[in-house]
PDB file of N, CA and C in Angstrom:
ATOM      1  N   MET A   1       0.873  -1.166   0.257  1.00  0.00           N
ATOM      2  CA  MET A   1      -0.050   0.023   0.318  1.00  0.00           C
ATOM      3  C   MET A   1       0.914   1.166  -0.020  1.00  0.00           C
ATOM      4  N   LYS A   2       0.806   2.112  -0.914  1.00  0.00           N
ATOM      5  CA  LYS A   2       1.517   3.443  -1.293  1.00  0.00           C
ATOM      6  C   LYS A   2       0.814   4.384  -0.148  1.00  0.00           C
ATOM      7  N   TYR A   3       2.037   5.119   0.426  1.00  0.00           N
ATOM      8  CA  TYR A   3       1.303   6.279   1.197  1.00  0.00           C
ATOM      9  C   TYR A   3       1.898   7.387   1.140  1.00  0.00           C
ATOM     10  N   LYS A   4       1.353   8.760   1.360  1.00  0.00           N
ATOM     11  CA  LYS A   4       1.782  10.080   1.480  1.00  0.00           C
ATOM     12  C   LYS A   4       1.708  10.849   3.011  1.00  0.00           C
ATOM     13  N   ILE A   5       2.469  11.325   3.560  1.00  0.00           N
ATOM     14  CA  ILE A   5       2.454  12.104   4.714  1.00  0.00           C
ATOM     15  C   ILE A   5       2.362  13.516   4.295  1.00  0.00           C
ATOM     16  N   LEU A   6       1.060  14.084   4.497  1.00  0.00           N
ATOM     17  CA  LEU A   6       1.151  15.642   4.568  1.00  0.00           C
ATOM     18  C   LEU A   6       0.802  16.265   5.657  1.00  0.00           C
ATOM     19  N   GLN A   7       1.605  17.597   6.047  1.00  0.00           N
ATOM     20  CA  GLN A   7       1.762  18.301   6.761  1.00  0.00           C
ATOM     21  C   GLN A   7       1.498  19.717   6.400  1.00  0.00           C
ATOM     22  N   LEU A   8       0.685  20.809   7.155  1.00  0.00           N
ATOM     23  CA  LEU A   8       0.272  21.868   7.107  1.00  0.00           C
ATOM     24  C   LEU A   8       1.646  22.508   6.667  1.00  0.00           C
ATOM     25  N   LYS A   9       1.465  23.577   5.457  1.00  0.00           N
ATOM     26  CA  LYS A   9       2.543  24.203   4.917  1.00  0.00           C
ATOM     27  C   LYS A   9       3.062  25.188   5.703  1.00  0.00           C
ATOM     28  N   ASP A  10       2.286  26.099   6.541  1.00  0.00           N
ATOM     29  CA  ASP A  10       2.531  27.104   7.764  1.00  0.00           C
ATOM     30  C   ASP A  10       1.543  26.740   8.976  1.00  0.00           C
ATOM     31  N   PHE A  11       1.818  26.014   9.718  1.00  0.00           N
ATOM     32  CA  PHE A  11       0.955  25.759  10.653  1.00  0.00           C
ATOM     33  C   PHE A  11       0.490  27.102  11.369  1.00  0.00           C
ATOM     34  N   ARG A  12       1.118  27.993  11.455  1.00  0.00           N
ATOM     35  CA  ARG A  12       0.956  29.261  12.317  1.00  0.00           C
ATOM     36  C   ARG A  12      -0.422  29.985  11.525  1.00  0.00           C
ATOM     37  N   LYS A  13      -0.412  29.971  10.257  1.00  0.00           N
ATOM     38  CA  LYS A  13      -1.469  30.326   9.293  1.00  0.00           C
ATOM     39  C   LYS A  13      -2.843  29.743   9.277  1.00  0.00           C
ATOM     40  N   VAL A  14      -2.961  28.431   9.820  1.00  0.00           N
ATOM     41  CA  VAL A  14      -3.945  27.992   9.901  1.00  0.00           C
ATOM     42  C   VAL A  14      -4.751  27.725  11.135  1.00  0.00           C
ATOM     43  N   GLU A  15      -5.944  28.255  11.255  1.00  0.00           N
ATOM     44  CA  GLU A  15      -6.826  28.082  12.641  1.00  0.00           C
ATOM     45  C   GLU A  15      -6.792  26.557  13.506  1.00  0.00           C
ATOM     46  N   TYR A  16      -6.954  25.519  12.421  1.00  0.00           N
ATOM     47  CA  TYR A  16      -7.063  24.540  12.698  1.00  0.00           C
ATOM     48  C   TYR A  16      -5.956  23.546  12.862  1.00  0.00           C
ATOM     49  N   SER A  17      -4.476  23.990  13.235  1.00  0.00           N
ATOM     50  CA  SER A  17      -3.600  23.052  12.968  1.00  0.00           C
ATOM     51  C   SER A  17      -3.225  22.652  14.379  1.00  0.00           C
ATOM     52  N   PHE A  18      -3.444  21.470  14.678  1.00  0.00           N
ATOM     53  CA  PHE A  18      -2.921  20.646  15.755  1.00  0.00           C
ATOM     54  C   PHE A  18      -4.115  20.664  16.586  1.00  0.00           C
ATOM     55  N   MET A  19      -5.431  20.555  16.057  1.00  0.00           N
ATOM     56  CA  MET A  19      -6.811  20.572  16.447  1.00  0.00           C
ATOM     57  C   MET A  19      -7.443  19.437  16.183  1.00  0.00           C
ATOM     58  N   SER A  20      -8.773  18.846  16.736  1.00  0.00           N
ATOM     59  CA  SER A  20      -9.440  17.721  16.116  1.00  0.00           C
ATOM     60  C   SER A  20     -10.073  17.721  14.875  1.00  0.00           C
ATOM     61  N   TYR A  21     -10.550  16.870  14.180  1.00  0.00           N
ATOM     62  CA  TYR A  21     -10.998  16.822  12.879  1.00  0.00           C
ATOM     63  C   TYR A  21     -12.303  17.425  12.854  1.00  0.00           C
ATOM     64  N   ASP A  22     -13.100  17.462  14.332  1.00  0.00           N
ATOM     65  CA  ASP A  22     -14.430  18.357  14.274  1.00  0.00           C
ATOM     66  C   ASP A  22     -14.212  19.962  13.911  1.00  0.00           C
ATOM     67  N   TYR A  23     -13.168  19.945  14.791  1.00  0.00           N
ATOM     68  CA  TYR A  23     -12.938  21.471  14.781  1.00  0.00           C
ATOM     69  C   TYR A  23     -12.339  22.132  13.604  1.00  0.00           C
ATOM     70  N   ALA A  24     -11.669  21.044  12.657  1.00  0.00           N
ATOM     71  CA  ALA A  24     -11.160  21.394  11.427  1.00  0.00           C
ATOM     72  C   ALA A  24     -12.205  21.491  10.428  1.00  0.00           C
ATOM     73  N   LYS A  25     -13.092  20.746  10.558  1.00  0.00           N
ATOM     74  CA  LYS A  25     -14.125  20.766   9.475  1.00  0.00           C
ATOM     75  C   LYS A  25     -15.186  21.950   9.740  1.00  0.00           C
ATOM     76  N   LYS A  26     -14.945  22.761  11.003  1.00  0.00           N
ATOM     77  CA  LYS A  26     -15.909  23.867  10.980  1.00  0.00           C
ATOM     78  C   LYS A  26     -14.903  24.815  10.629  1.00  0.00           C
ATOM     79  N   HIS A  27     -13.682  24.938  10.563  1.00  0.00           N
ATOM     80  CA  HIS A  27     -12.617  26.091  10.330  1.00  0.00           C
ATOM     81  C   HIS A  27     -11.866  26.141   8.945  1.00  0.00           C
ATOM     82  N   ASN A  28     -12.624  25.690   8.016  1.00  0.00           N
ATOM     83  CA  ASN A  28     -12.165  25.534   6.715  1.00  0.00           C
ATOM     84  C   ASN A  28     -11.104  24.621   6.452  1.00  0.00           C
ATOM     85  N   PHE A  29     -11.381  23.296   6.842  1.00  0.00           N
ATOM     86  CA  PHE A  29     -10.323  22.573   6.490  1.00  0.00           C
ATOM     87  C   PHE A  29      -9.924  22.354   4.869  1.00  0.00           C
ATOM     88  N   LYS A  30      -8.731  22.365   4.572  1.00  0.00           N
ATOM     89  CA  LYS A  30      -8.501  22.094   2.979  1.00  0.00           C
ATOM     90  C   LYS A  30      -7.365  21.449   2.908  1.00  0.00           C
ATOM     91  N   LEU A  31      -7.285  20.775   1.734  1.00  0.00           N
ATOM     92  CA  LEU A  31      -5.885  19.784   1.668  1.00  0.00           C
ATOM     93  C   LEU A  31      -4.956  20.931   0.733  1.00  0.00           C
ATOM     94  N   SER A  32      -5.201  22.071   0.405  1.00  0.00           N
ATOM     95  CA  SER A  32      -4.345  23.050  -0.427  1.00  0.00           C
ATOM     96  C   SER A  32      -3.404  23.828   0.728  1.00  0.00           C
ATOM     97  N   ASP A  33      -3.786  23.854   2.301  1.00  0.00           N
ATOM     98  CA  ASP A  33      -3.119  23.824   3.215  1.00  0.00           C
ATOM     99  C   ASP A  33      -2.121  23.142   3.384  1.00  0.00           C
ATOM    100  N   TYR A  34      -1.796  22.024   2.761  1.00  0.00           N
ATOM    101  CA  TYR A  34      -0.701  21.156   3.511  1.00  0.00           C
ATOM    102  C   TYR A  34      -0.083  20.902   1.774  1.00  0.00           C
ATOM    103  N   GLU A  35       1.039  20.092   2.454  1.00  0.00           N
ATOM    104  CA  GLU A  35       2.159  19.694   1.395  1.00  0.00           C
ATOM    105  C   GLU A  35       2.641  18.352   1.802  1.00  0.00           C
ATOM    106  N   VAL A  36       3.144  17.639   0.845  1.00  0.00           N
ATOM    107  CA  VAL A  36       3.697  16.353   0.994  1.00  0.00           C
ATOM    108  C   VAL A  36       4.839  16.287   1.521  1.00  0.00           C
ATOM    109  N   VAL A  37       5.328  15.730   2.533  1.00  0.00           N
ATOM    110  CA  VAL A  37       6.922  15.782   3.306  1.00  0.00           C
ATOM    111  C   VAL A  37       7.295  14.327   3.307  1.00  0.00           C
ATOM    112  N   TYR A  38       6.511  13.379   2.863  1.00  0.00           N
ATOM    113  CA  TYR A  38       7.098  12.134   2.944  1.00  0.00           C
ATOM    114  C   TYR A  38       6.208  10.845   1.783  1.00  0.00           C
ATOM    115  N   LYS A  39       6.699   9.969   1.078  1.00  0.00           N
ATOM    116  CA  LYS A  39       6.153   9.188   0.427  1.00  0.00           C
ATOM    117  C   LYS A  39       6.737   7.832   0.657  1.00  0.00           C
ATOM    118  N   GLY A  40       6.356   6.584   0.664  1.00  0.00           N
ATOM    119  CA  GLY A  40       6.493   5.486   0.919  1.00  0.00           C
ATOM    120  C   GLY A  40       5.479   4.451   0.541  1.00  0.00           C
ATOM    121  N   SER A  41       5.886   3.289   0.581  1.00  0.00           N
ATOM    122  CA  SER A  41       5.148   1.889   0.855  1.00  0.00           C
ATOM    123  C   SER A  41       5.154   1.185   2.211  1.00  0.00           C
ATOM    124  N   THR A  42       3.998   0.801   2.150  1.00  0.00           N
ATOM    125  CA  THR A  42       4.042  -0.208   3.753  1.00  0.00           C
ATOM    126  C   THR A  42       3.250  -1.678   3.187  1.00  0.00           C
ATOM    127  N   LYS A  43       3.736  -2.757   3.836  1.00  0.00           N
ATOM    128  CA  LYS A  43       3.212  -4.046   3.755  1.00  0.00           C
ATOM    129  C   LYS A  43       1.794  -4.387   4.205  1.00  0.00           C
ATOM    130  N   ASP A  44       1.578  -3.295   4.682  1.00  0.00           N
ATOM    131  CA  ASP A  44      -0.140  -3.407   5.840  1.00  0.00           C
ATOM    132  C   ASP A  44      -0.876  -3.399   4.245  1.00  0.00           C
ATOM    133  N   VAL A  45      -1.978  -4.024   4.413  1.00  0.00           N
ATOM    134  CA  VAL A  45      -2.932  -4.126   3.737  1.00  0.00           C
ATOM    135  C   VAL A  45      -4.416  -3.572   4.123  1.00  0.00           C
ATOM    136  N   LYS A  46      -4.499  -3.387   5.719  1.00  0.00           N
ATOM    137  CA  LYS A  46      -5.450  -2.763   6.141  1.00  0.00           C
ATOM    138  C   LYS A  46      -5.217  -1.320   6.336  1.00  0.00           C
ATOM    139  N   PRO A  47      -6.150  -0.662   6.204  1.00  0.00           N
ATOM    140  CA  PRO A  47      -5.704   0.956   6.241  1.00  0.00           C
ATOM    141  C   PRO A  47      -5.788   0.991   7.743  1.00  0.00           C
ATOM    142  N   ILE A  48      -6.247   0.827   8.649  1.00  0.00           N
ATOM    143  CA  ILE A  48      -6.236   1.390  10.132  1.00  0.00           C
ATOM    144  C   ILE A  48      -4.992   0.729  10.842  1.00  0.00           C
ATOM    145  N   LYS A  49      -4.339  -0.343  10.265  1.00  0.00           N
ATOM    146  CA  LYS A  49      -3.080  -1.014  10.954  1.00  0.00           C
ATOM    147  C   LYS A  49      -1.928  -0.093  10.103  1.00  0.00           C
ATOM    148  N   ALA A  50      -2.183  -0.051   9.104  1.00  0.00           N
ATOM    149  CA  ALA A  50      -1.127   1.118   8.193  1.00  0.00           C
ATOM    150  C   ALA A  50      -0.934   2.098   9.026  1.00  0.00           C
ATOM    151  N   LEU A  51      -2.140   2.944   8.806  1.00  0.00           N
ATOM    152  CA  LEU A  51      -2.033   4.285   9.919  1.00  0.00           C
ATOM    153  C   LEU A  51      -1.536   4.280  11.337  1.00  0.00           C
ATOM    154  N   GLU A  52      -1.765   2.933  12.002  1.00  0.00           N
ATOM    155  CA  GLU A  52      -1.128   2.747  13.398  1.00  0.00           C
ATOM    156  C   GLU A  52       0.220   2.433  13.245  1.00  0.00           C
ATOM    157  N   ASP A  53       0.693   1.686  12.214  1.00  0.00           N
ATOM    158  CA  ASP A  53       2.160   1.393  12.024  1.00  0.00           C
ATOM    159  C   ASP A  53       2.869   2.599  11.870  1.00  0.00           C
ATOM    160  N   LEU A  54       2.041   3.542  10.839  1.00  0.00           N
ATOM    161  CA  LEU A  54       2.845   4.614  10.479  1.00  0.00           C
ATOM    162  C   LEU A  54       3.072   5.788  11.522  1.00  0.00           C
ATOM    163  N   PHE A  55       1.946   5.690  12.203  1.00  0.00           N
ATOM    164  CA  PHE A  55       2.263   6.789  13.352  1.00  0.00           C
ATOM    165  C   PHE A  55       3.119   6.424  14.275  1.00  0.00           C
ATOM    166  N   THR A  56       3.479   5.440  14.932  1.00  0.00           N
ATOM    167  CA  THR A  56       4.507   4.423  15.600  1.00  0.00           C
ATOM    168  C   THR A  56       5.530   4.806  14.770  1.00  0.00           C
ATOM    169  N   GLU A  57       5.767   4.496  13.724  1.00  0.00           N
ATOM    170  CA  GLU A  57       7.313   4.704  12.886  1.00  0.00           C
ATOM    171  C   GLU A  57       7.576   6.065  12.854  1.00  0.00           C
ATOM    172  N   PHE A  58       6.945   7.341  12.702  1.00  0.00           N
ATOM    173  CA  PHE A  58       7.062   8.490  12.385  1.00  0.00           C
ATOM    174  C   PHE A  58       7.047   9.228  13.619  1.00  0.00           C
ATOM    175  N   ASN A  59       6.943   8.590  14.511  1.00  0.00           N
ATOM    176  CA  ASN A  59       7.052   9.383  16.136  1.00  0.00           C
ATOM    177  C   ASN A  59       8.096   8.666  16.660  1.00  0.00           C
ATOM    178  N   ILE A  60       8.679   7.337  16.341  1.00  0.00           N
ATOM    179  CA  ILE A  60       9.541   6.761  17.665  1.00  0.00           C
ATOM    180  C   ILE A  60      10.881   6.406  16.524  1.00  0.00           C
ATOM    181  N   ASN A  61      10.483   5.745  15.345  1.00  0.00           N
ATOM    182  CA  ASN A  61      11.532   5.640  14.530  1.00  0.00           C
ATOM    183  C   ASN A  61      11.746   6.122  13.134  1.00  0.00           C
ATOM    184  N   ARG A  62      11.800   7.536  13.275  1.00  0.00           N
ATOM    185  CA  ARG A  62      11.563   8.136  12.212  1.00  0.00           C
ATOM    186  C   ARG A  62      12.797   8.065  10.973  1.00  0.00           C
ATOM    187  N   PRO A  63      12.427   7.804   9.402  1.00  0.00           N
ATOM    188  CA  PRO A  63      13.427   7.498   8.662  1.00  0.00           C
ATOM    189  C   PRO A  63      14.262   8.897   8.857  1.00  0.00           C
ATOM    190  N   GLU A  64      15.495   8.680   8.566  1.00  0.00           N
ATOM    191  CA  GLU A  64      16.788   9.606   8.682  1.00  0.00           C
ATOM    192  C   GLU A  64      16.411  10.983   7.557  1.00  0.00           C
ATOM    193  N   ASP A  65      15.356  10.186   6.624  1.00  0.00           N
ATOM    194  CA  ASP A  65      15.223  11.220   5.425  1.00  0.00           C
ATOM    195  C   ASP A  65      13.757  11.755   5.624  1.00  0.00           C
ATOM    196  N   PHE A  66      13.383  11.613   6.727  1.00  0.00           N
ATOM    197  CA  PHE A  66      12.157  12.480   7.177  1.00  0.00           C
ATOM    198  C   PHE A  66      12.583  13.756   7.443  1.00  0.00           C
ATOM    199  N   LYS A  67      11.907  14.616   7.263  1.00  0.00           N
ATOM    200  CA  LYS A  67      12.308  16.057   7.546  1.00  0.00           C
ATOM    201  C   LYS A  67      11.545  17.063   8.132  1.00  0.00           C
ATOM    202  N   GLY A  68      10.064  16.340   8.027  1.00  0.00           N
ATOM    203  CA  GLY A  68       8.656  16.864   9.071  1.00  0.00           C
ATOM    204  C   GLY A  68       9.026  16.392  10.306  1.00  0.00           C
ATOM    205  N   HIS A  69       7.971  17.259  11.179  1.00  0.00           N
ATOM    206  CA  HIS A  69       7.730  16.780  12.780  1.00  0.00           C
ATOM    207  C   HIS A  69       7.276  15.625  12.958  1.00  0.00           C
ATOM    208  N   SER A  70       6.886  15.087  13.815  1.00  0.00           N
ATOM    209  CA  SER A  70       6.341  13.859  14.250  1.00  0.00           C
ATOM    210  C   SER A  70       4.981  13.945  13.992  1.00  0.00           C
ATOM    211  N   LEU A  71       4.338  12.747  13.580  1.00  0.00           N
ATOM    212  CA  LEU A  71       3.054  13.174  13.085  1.00  0.00           C
ATOM    213  C   LEU A  71       2.184  13.337  14.194  1.00  0.00           C
ATOM    214  N   SER A  72       1.155  14.405  14.163  1.00  0.00           N
ATOM    215  CA  SER A  72       0.669  14.949  15.435  1.00  0.00           C
ATOM    216  C   SER A  72      -0.859  15.120  14.749  1.00  0.00           C
ATOM    217  N   MET A  73      -1.722  15.432  15.547  1.00  0.00           N
ATOM    218  CA  MET A  73      -3.173  15.899  15.366  1.00  0.00           C
ATOM    219  C   MET A  73      -2.914  17.097  14.249  1.00  0.00           C
ATOM    220  N   SER A  74      -3.951  16.868  13.458  1.00  0.00           N
ATOM    221  CA  SER A  74      -4.169  17.850  12.047  1.00  0.00           C
ATOM    222  C   SER A  74      -3.247  17.253  10.945  1.00  0.00           C
ATOM    223  N   ASP A  75      -2.286  16.395  11.144  1.00  0.00           N
ATOM    224  CA  ASP A  75      -1.419  15.836  10.009  1.00  0.00           C
ATOM    225  C   ASP A  75      -2.604  14.831   9.167  1.00  0.00           C
ATOM    226  N   VAL A  76      -2.235  14.676   8.018  1.00  0.00           N
ATOM    227  CA  VAL A  76      -3.093  13.983   6.998  1.00  0.00           C
ATOM    228  C   VAL A  76      -2.072  12.830   6.240  1.00  0.00           C
ATOM    229  N   VAL A  77      -2.502  11.521   6.131  1.00  0.00           N
ATOM    230  CA  VAL A  77      -2.050  10.824   5.585  1.00  0.00           C
ATOM    231  C   VAL A  77      -2.933   9.986   4.503  1.00  0.00           C
ATOM    232  N   GLU A  78      -2.453  10.028   3.267  1.00  0.00           N
ATOM    233  CA  GLU A  78      -2.852   9.078   2.277  1.00  0.00           C
ATOM    234  C   GLU A  78      -2.610   8.051   1.915  1.00  0.00           C
ATOM    235  N   LEU A  79      -3.345   7.250   1.737  1.00  0.00           N
ATOM    236  CA  LEU A  79      -3.344   5.607   1.549  1.00  0.00           C
ATOM    237  C   LEU A  79      -3.739   5.249   0.267  1.00  0.00           C
ATOM    238  N   ASP A  80      -3.275   5.128  -0.912  1.00  0.00           N
ATOM    239  CA  ASP A  80      -3.805   4.605  -2.018  1.00  0.00           C
ATOM    240  C   ASP A  80      -4.969   5.500  -2.445  1.00  0.00           C
ATOM    241  N   GLY A  81      -4.927   6.582  -2.305  1.00  0.00           N
ATOM    242  CA  GLY A  81      -5.757   7.968  -2.764  1.00  0.00           C
ATOM    243  C   GLY A  81      -6.708   8.066  -1.868  1.00  0.00           C
ATOM    244  N   VAL A  82      -6.821   7.565  -0.610  1.00  0.00           N
ATOM    245  CA  VAL A  82      -7.815   8.047   0.463  1.00  0.00           C
ATOM    246  C   VAL A  82      -7.200   8.455   1.607  1.00  0.00           C
ATOM    247  N   TYR A  83      -7.481   9.665   1.995  1.00  0.00           N
ATOM    248  CA  TYR A  83      -7.368  10.717   2.894  1.00  0.00           C
ATOM    249  C   TYR A  83      -7.726  10.359   4.476  1.00  0.00           C
ATOM    250  N   TYR A  84      -6.770  10.502   5.521  1.00  0.00           N
ATOM    251  CA  TYR A  84      -7.142  10.318   6.620  1.00  0.00           C
ATOM    252  C   TYR A  84      -6.391  11.227   7.508  1.00  0.00           C
ATOM    253  N   TYR A  85      -7.093  12.200   8.330  1.00  0.00           N
ATOM    254  CA  TYR A  85      -6.972  13.090   9.231  1.00  0.00           C
ATOM    255  C   TYR A  85      -6.430  12.480  10.702  1.00  0.00           C
ATOM    256  N   CYS A  86      -4.970  12.502  11.301  1.00  0.00           N
ATOM    257  CA  CYS A  86      -4.752  12.606  12.333  1.00  0.00           C
ATOM    258  C   CYS A  86      -5.523  13.224  13.435  1.00  0.00           C
ATOM    259  N   ASP A  87      -6.459  12.301  14.047  1.00  0.00           N
ATOM    260  CA  ASP A  87      -7.591  13.285  15.305  1.00  0.00           C
ATOM    261  C   ASP A  87      -7.010  13.214  16.619  1.00  0.00           C
ATOM    262  N   SER A  88      -8.071  13.496  17.416  1.00  0.00           N
ATOM    263  CA  SER A  88      -7.354  13.594  18.604  1.00  0.00           C
ATOM    264  C   SER A  88      -7.361  12.286  19.291  1.00  0.00           C
ATOM    265  N   PHE A  89      -8.140  11.106  18.660  1.00  0.00           N
ATOM    266  CA  PHE A  89      -7.908   9.662  19.263  1.00  0.00           C
ATOM    267  C   PHE A  89      -8.072   9.084  17.714  1.00  0.00           C
ATOM    268  N   GLY A  90      -6.921   8.693  17.270  1.00  0.00           N
ATOM    269  CA  GLY A  90      -7.099   7.483  15.970  1.00  0.00           C
ATOM    270  C   GLY A  90      -7.100   8.432  15.263  1.00  0.00           C
ATOM    271  N   TRP A  91      -7.966   7.978  13.785  1.00  0.00           N
ATOM    272  CA  TRP A  91      -7.875   8.855  12.353  1.00  0.00           C
ATOM    273  C   TRP A  91      -9.487   9.057  11.906  1.00  0.00           C
ATOM    274  N   ALA A  92      -9.464  10.081  11.051  1.00  0.00           N
ATOM    275  CA  ALA A  92     -10.731  10.268  10.416  1.00  0.00           C
ATOM    276  C   ALA A  92     -10.484  10.266   9.205  1.00  0.00           C
ATOM    277  N   LYS A  93     -11.691   9.732   8.486  1.00  0.00           N
ATOM    278  CA  LYS A  93     -11.488   9.369   7.173  1.00  0.00           C
ATOM    279  C   LYS A  93     -12.314  10.587   6.538  1.00  0.00           C
ATOM    280  N   VAL A  94     -11.179  11.505   5.433  1.00  0.00           N
ATOM    281  CA  VAL A  94     -11.947  12.775   4.880  1.00  0.00           C
ATOM    282  C   VAL A  94     -12.142  12.973   3.390  1.00  0.00           C
ATOM    283  N   ASP A  95     -12.211  11.832   2.744  1.00  0.00           N
ATOM    284  CA  ASP A  95     -11.984  11.974   1.504  1.00  0.00           C
ATOM    285  C   ASP A  95     -13.364  12.620   1.132  1.00  0.00           C
ATOM    286  N   ASP A  96     -14.523  12.588   1.947  1.00  0.00           N
ATOM    287  CA  ASP A  96     -15.728  13.556   1.550  1.00  0.00           C
ATOM    288  C   ASP A  96     -15.441  14.747   1.098  1.00  0.00           C
ATOM    289  N   LEU A  97     -14.493  15.301   1.886  1.00  0.00           N
ATOM    290  CA  LEU A  97     -14.434  16.649   1.667  1.00  0.00           C
ATOM    291  C   LEU A  97     -13.598  17.269   0.783  1.00  0.00           C
ATOM    292  N   LEU A  98     -13.201  16.011  -0.352  1.00  0.00           N
ATOM    293  CA  LEU A  98     -12.536  16.521  -1.273  1.00  0.00           C
ATOM    294  C   LEU A  98     -13.368  16.860  -3.043  1.00  0.00           C
TER     295      LEU A  98
END
C-alpha cells in the first residue's frame, strides 16, 4: 500500500493546526493548506493497521530522510488515494471533503 504524509505548509497561519477533525471541519479544512513531506509504501493491507504503524514509525523510529515533525493531530496521511486526518484519538477518513 502506497502512502503520503501531508503536513501543514505553515501551521501558524491555519486556525485548525493541531486541532481535532471536528474543529478542522468547522474552520475551513482544505488539502491545499498541506504539502507532501514524505512518500513510501507499507506492507500493511488494512488501512487502520497501516495508519497505526505509520504513526508509531514517524514518532519513534523516524527515517533519517524524513524532514517533517512527528506525526501529530491535524496531519494527513493518504493511503492509496484515500485521505485520513490524524484526530485527537485515532484517524478520521476525510475523502468526503475533496
